[in-house]
N, C-alpha and C. Protein backbone atom coordinates (compact mmCIF):
# COMPACT_ATOMS: atom_id res chain seq x y z
N MET A 1 39.02 121.42 29.89
CA MET A 1 40.27 121.53 29.52
C MET A 1 41.18 120.70 30.44
N SER A 2 42.14 119.95 29.82
CA SER A 2 42.95 119.14 30.48
C SER A 2 44.01 119.70 31.42
N THR A 3 44.47 119.18 32.42
CA THR A 3 45.45 119.67 33.31
C THR A 3 46.80 119.21 33.11
N TYR A 4 47.75 119.94 33.01
CA TYR A 4 49.13 119.56 32.70
C TYR A 4 50.09 120.15 33.86
N SER A 5 50.95 119.47 34.45
CA SER A 5 51.73 120.01 35.49
C SER A 5 53.10 119.17 35.45
N LYS A 6 54.14 119.96 35.54
CA LYS A 6 55.41 119.24 35.39
C LYS A 6 56.37 120.21 36.31
N PHE A 7 57.25 119.56 37.07
CA PHE A 7 58.31 120.28 37.85
C PHE A 7 59.47 119.41 38.01
N TYR A 8 60.61 119.97 38.31
CA TYR A 8 61.91 119.31 38.54
C TYR A 8 62.38 119.68 39.99
N PHE A 9 63.21 118.89 40.57
CA PHE A 9 63.60 119.00 41.91
C PHE A 9 65.01 118.22 42.08
N HIS A 10 65.81 118.72 42.90
CA HIS A 10 67.09 118.03 43.35
C HIS A 10 67.00 117.86 44.85
N PRO A 11 66.64 116.72 45.19
CA PRO A 11 66.62 116.38 46.54
C PRO A 11 68.31 116.14 47.14
N ARG A 12 68.39 116.65 48.45
CA ARG A 12 69.68 116.45 48.86
C ARG A 12 69.81 115.04 49.51
N LYS A 13 70.99 114.60 49.86
CA LYS A 13 71.12 113.14 50.33
C LYS A 13 70.36 112.97 51.54
N GLY A 14 69.53 112.03 51.58
CA GLY A 14 68.68 111.68 52.67
C GLY A 14 67.47 112.37 52.67
N GLU A 15 67.23 113.37 51.85
CA GLU A 15 66.01 114.24 51.99
C GLU A 15 64.74 113.41 51.47
N GLN A 16 63.63 113.51 51.89
CA GLN A 16 62.45 112.92 51.41
C GLN A 16 61.63 113.94 51.05
N VAL A 17 61.05 114.10 49.76
CA VAL A 17 60.16 115.11 49.35
C VAL A 17 58.66 114.76 49.28
N ASN A 18 57.74 115.30 49.98
CA ASN A 18 56.44 115.03 49.83
C ASN A 18 55.60 116.20 49.10
N THR A 19 54.84 115.92 48.15
CA THR A 19 54.23 117.10 47.45
C THR A 19 52.85 116.64 47.13
N SER A 20 51.92 117.55 46.82
CA SER A 20 50.53 117.35 46.48
C SER A 20 50.28 118.38 45.43
N ILE A 21 49.60 118.13 44.24
CA ILE A 21 49.28 119.11 43.33
C ILE A 21 47.78 119.09 43.31
N THR A 22 47.01 120.07 43.62
CA THR A 22 45.54 119.94 43.53
C THR A 22 45.03 121.27 42.69
N PRO A 23 44.82 121.08 41.38
CA PRO A 23 44.36 122.21 40.60
C PRO A 23 42.96 122.64 41.01
N GLU A 24 42.79 123.77 41.17
CA GLU A 24 41.67 124.49 41.49
C GLU A 24 40.70 124.68 40.21
N PRO A 25 39.38 124.46 40.29
CA PRO A 25 38.60 124.54 39.06
C PRO A 25 38.71 126.04 38.50
N ASP A 26 38.84 126.11 37.27
CA ASP A 26 39.12 127.34 36.60
C ASP A 26 38.12 127.60 35.42
N GLU A 27 37.42 128.62 35.42
CA GLU A 27 36.45 129.05 34.45
C GLU A 27 37.12 129.65 33.20
N ARG A 28 38.24 130.20 33.28
CA ARG A 28 39.03 130.74 32.18
C ARG A 28 39.32 129.73 31.03
N SER A 29 39.37 130.17 29.89
CA SER A 29 39.63 129.45 28.76
C SER A 29 41.24 129.46 28.49
N ALA A 30 41.77 128.55 27.95
CA ALA A 30 43.17 128.41 27.62
C ALA A 30 43.40 127.24 26.52
N ILE A 31 44.49 127.27 25.87
CA ILE A 31 44.62 126.24 24.94
C ILE A 31 46.10 125.68 25.33
N CYS A 32 46.16 124.46 25.43
CA CYS A 32 47.26 123.65 25.77
C CYS A 32 47.57 122.70 24.62
N GLY A 33 48.61 122.76 23.86
CA GLY A 33 49.03 122.03 22.86
C GLY A 33 50.34 121.31 22.77
N LYS A 34 50.60 120.34 21.76
CA LYS A 34 51.81 119.77 21.60
C LYS A 34 52.11 119.83 20.06
N VAL A 35 53.29 120.21 19.80
CA VAL A 35 53.85 120.21 18.31
C VAL A 35 54.45 118.96 18.10
N LEU A 36 54.20 118.10 17.06
CA LEU A 36 54.80 116.97 16.73
C LEU A 36 55.27 117.00 15.38
N ASP A 37 56.34 116.37 14.95
CA ASP A 37 56.80 116.29 13.61
C ASP A 37 56.14 115.20 12.84
N GLY A 38 56.49 114.98 11.50
CA GLY A 38 55.66 113.97 10.72
C GLY A 38 55.87 112.55 11.19
N LYS A 39 56.73 112.34 12.12
CA LYS A 39 56.90 110.87 12.59
C LYS A 39 56.14 110.77 14.10
N GLY A 40 55.49 111.81 14.47
CA GLY A 40 54.84 111.75 15.81
C GLY A 40 55.67 112.01 17.01
N GLN A 41 56.88 112.57 16.66
CA GLN A 41 57.95 113.03 17.76
C GLN A 41 57.72 114.42 18.16
N PRO A 42 58.06 114.68 19.44
CA PRO A 42 57.77 116.24 19.94
C PRO A 42 58.84 117.00 19.21
N VAL A 43 58.40 118.32 18.88
CA VAL A 43 59.28 119.39 18.38
C VAL A 43 59.58 120.31 19.33
N GLU A 44 60.89 120.33 19.88
CA GLU A 44 61.61 121.18 20.87
C GLU A 44 61.84 122.57 20.21
N ASN A 45 61.54 123.61 20.91
CA ASN A 45 61.95 124.97 20.37
C ASN A 45 61.37 125.37 19.16
N ALA A 46 59.93 124.75 18.95
CA ALA A 46 59.18 125.48 17.89
C ALA A 46 58.61 126.73 18.23
N LEU A 47 58.57 127.77 17.56
CA LEU A 47 57.92 129.00 17.84
C LEU A 47 56.44 129.01 17.57
N VAL A 48 55.65 129.14 18.64
CA VAL A 48 54.27 129.07 18.44
C VAL A 48 53.66 130.62 18.87
N LEU A 49 52.92 131.10 17.77
CA LEU A 49 52.43 132.55 17.81
C LEU A 49 50.92 132.39 18.00
N LEU A 50 50.38 133.39 19.04
CA LEU A 50 48.93 133.48 19.07
C LEU A 50 48.46 134.93 18.50
N PHE A 51 47.66 134.70 17.64
CA PHE A 51 47.05 136.01 17.01
C PHE A 51 45.61 136.29 17.41
N ARG A 52 45.15 137.40 17.26
CA ARG A 52 43.69 137.75 17.36
C ARG A 52 43.42 138.41 16.10
N PRO A 53 42.66 137.78 15.13
CA PRO A 53 42.31 138.41 13.88
C PRO A 53 41.47 139.84 14.02
N ARG A 54 41.90 140.69 13.12
CA ARG A 54 41.03 141.94 13.03
C ARG A 54 40.19 141.99 11.89
N GLU A 55 39.26 142.95 11.77
CA GLU A 55 38.38 143.13 10.76
C GLU A 55 39.03 143.34 9.45
N ASP A 56 40.21 143.99 9.39
CA ASP A 56 40.97 144.30 8.22
C ASP A 56 41.80 143.22 7.77
N ASN A 57 41.52 141.86 8.41
CA ASN A 57 42.42 140.76 8.12
C ASN A 57 44.02 140.81 8.32
N GLU A 58 44.33 141.76 9.17
CA GLU A 58 45.69 141.88 9.75
C GLU A 58 45.61 141.59 11.16
N PRO A 59 46.05 140.28 11.54
CA PRO A 59 45.91 139.96 12.85
C PRO A 59 46.94 140.62 13.96
N ASP A 60 46.54 140.78 15.02
CA ASP A 60 47.38 141.30 16.17
C ASP A 60 48.07 140.18 16.93
N LEU A 61 49.38 140.21 16.97
CA LEU A 61 50.05 139.30 17.75
C LEU A 61 49.95 139.45 19.17
N LEU A 62 49.28 138.43 19.91
CA LEU A 62 49.19 138.50 21.53
C LEU A 62 50.11 137.90 22.22
N SER A 63 50.76 136.92 21.75
CA SER A 63 51.69 136.07 22.67
C SER A 63 52.68 135.14 21.69
N ARG A 64 53.71 134.76 22.24
CA ARG A 64 54.51 133.95 21.55
C ARG A 64 55.09 132.84 22.65
N PHE A 65 55.39 131.72 22.21
CA PHE A 65 55.85 130.65 23.18
C PHE A 65 56.78 129.60 22.28
N CYS A 66 57.88 129.29 23.02
CA CYS A 66 58.68 128.15 22.36
C CYS A 66 58.37 126.89 23.11
N THR A 67 58.06 125.84 22.28
CA THR A 67 57.76 124.56 22.88
C THR A 67 58.88 123.95 23.83
N ASP A 68 58.65 123.22 24.89
CA ASP A 68 59.54 122.67 25.84
C ASP A 68 60.05 121.37 25.08
N GLU A 69 60.86 120.67 25.73
CA GLU A 69 61.45 119.42 25.29
C GLU A 69 60.39 118.40 24.81
N ASP A 70 59.24 118.49 25.36
CA ASP A 70 58.26 117.56 24.96
C ASP A 70 57.34 118.11 23.91
N GLY A 71 57.55 119.19 23.54
CA GLY A 71 56.69 119.90 22.45
C GLY A 71 55.54 120.63 22.96
N HIS A 72 55.32 120.80 24.08
CA HIS A 72 54.14 121.35 24.85
C HIS A 72 54.38 122.78 24.63
N PHE A 73 53.12 123.48 24.51
CA PHE A 73 53.00 125.00 24.59
C PHE A 73 51.43 125.26 25.25
N ILE A 74 51.33 126.52 25.87
CA ILE A 74 50.12 126.93 26.36
C ILE A 74 49.85 128.41 26.28
N PHE A 75 48.65 128.78 26.06
CA PHE A 75 48.37 130.10 26.02
C PHE A 75 46.98 130.39 26.94
N GLY A 76 47.00 131.41 27.69
CA GLY A 76 45.78 131.66 28.51
C GLY A 76 46.10 132.62 29.43
N PRO A 77 45.03 133.33 30.07
CA PRO A 77 43.67 132.79 29.71
C PRO A 77 43.23 133.66 28.46
N LEU A 78 42.25 133.05 27.93
CA LEU A 78 41.66 133.60 26.63
C LEU A 78 40.28 134.03 26.77
N GLU A 79 39.85 134.88 26.05
CA GLU A 79 38.53 135.54 26.14
C GLU A 79 37.59 134.45 25.48
N SER A 80 36.48 134.19 26.11
CA SER A 80 35.38 133.38 25.62
C SER A 80 34.72 133.87 24.31
N GLU A 81 34.32 132.97 23.51
CA GLU A 81 33.75 133.43 22.17
C GLU A 81 34.49 134.31 21.31
N VAL A 82 35.76 134.22 21.27
CA VAL A 82 36.71 135.03 20.50
C VAL A 82 37.38 134.13 19.44
N LEU A 83 37.60 134.51 18.22
CA LEU A 83 38.47 133.69 17.31
C LEU A 83 39.82 134.09 17.46
N TYR A 84 40.63 132.98 17.58
CA TYR A 84 42.08 133.24 17.59
C TYR A 84 42.80 132.51 16.47
N LEU A 85 44.15 132.85 16.21
CA LEU A 85 44.86 132.17 15.25
C LEU A 85 46.13 131.65 15.81
N ILE A 86 46.58 130.56 15.53
CA ILE A 86 47.91 130.14 15.96
C ILE A 86 48.74 129.72 14.76
N LYS A 87 50.02 130.10 14.68
CA LYS A 87 50.99 129.79 13.61
C LYS A 87 52.12 129.04 14.38
N VAL A 88 52.68 128.06 13.77
CA VAL A 88 53.68 127.40 14.45
C VAL A 88 54.96 127.28 13.33
N PHE A 89 56.08 127.63 13.87
CA PHE A 89 57.33 127.80 12.93
C PHE A 89 58.45 127.01 13.72
N LYS A 90 59.24 126.42 12.81
CA LYS A 90 60.51 125.73 13.42
C LYS A 90 61.52 125.97 12.19
N ASN A 91 62.62 126.67 12.68
CA ASN A 91 63.62 126.94 11.70
C ASN A 91 63.19 127.81 10.56
N ASP A 92 62.41 128.79 10.79
CA ASP A 92 61.84 129.66 9.72
C ASP A 92 60.92 129.12 8.89
N VAL A 93 60.37 127.73 8.95
CA VAL A 93 59.57 127.15 8.23
C VAL A 93 58.10 126.94 8.82
N LYS A 94 57.09 127.50 8.40
CA LYS A 94 55.62 127.40 9.01
C LYS A 94 55.19 125.97 8.86
N LEU A 95 55.06 125.39 10.20
CA LEU A 95 54.64 124.00 10.13
C LEU A 95 53.13 123.85 10.13
N ARG A 96 52.51 124.84 10.63
CA ARG A 96 50.97 124.72 10.87
C ARG A 96 50.20 126.10 11.06
N GLU A 97 49.07 126.18 10.62
CA GLU A 97 48.34 127.48 11.09
C GLU A 97 46.93 126.80 11.39
N LEU A 98 46.47 127.29 12.46
CA LEU A 98 45.25 126.82 13.08
C LEU A 98 44.36 127.87 13.74
N GLU A 99 42.99 128.01 13.26
CA GLU A 99 42.14 128.92 13.90
C GLU A 99 41.33 128.15 14.86
N ILE A 100 41.25 128.73 16.14
CA ILE A 100 40.58 128.23 17.38
C ILE A 100 39.59 129.34 17.72
N ARG A 101 38.66 128.80 18.58
CA ARG A 101 37.51 129.64 19.06
C ARG A 101 37.57 129.16 20.61
N ALA A 102 37.83 130.19 21.40
CA ALA A 102 37.75 129.80 22.86
C ALA A 102 36.16 129.72 23.26
N GLU A 103 35.70 128.70 23.99
CA GLU A 103 34.34 128.64 24.25
C GLU A 103 34.22 128.27 25.72
């Protein structure tokens, strides 16, 4: 899994900020994604829904996320060896449907 980190700060006049980010190894599964439009540009505020399909073909909604200004979304932790379904909407239009399996 790739690592993604982002933060904002407002330094005061003359203030020097020193920081280090060291991600710890993590055995949990997650999905980190990016929603792009047909021109390859990030889609802000797209609604991304995470489902877990059931045997009766009616998926359970597990989580929802609105993409940030760069089109990013993330879901986790996910169970290993489980099939998930992601649906992406923007302005009530379904942009994409994707089945994933956490491994």
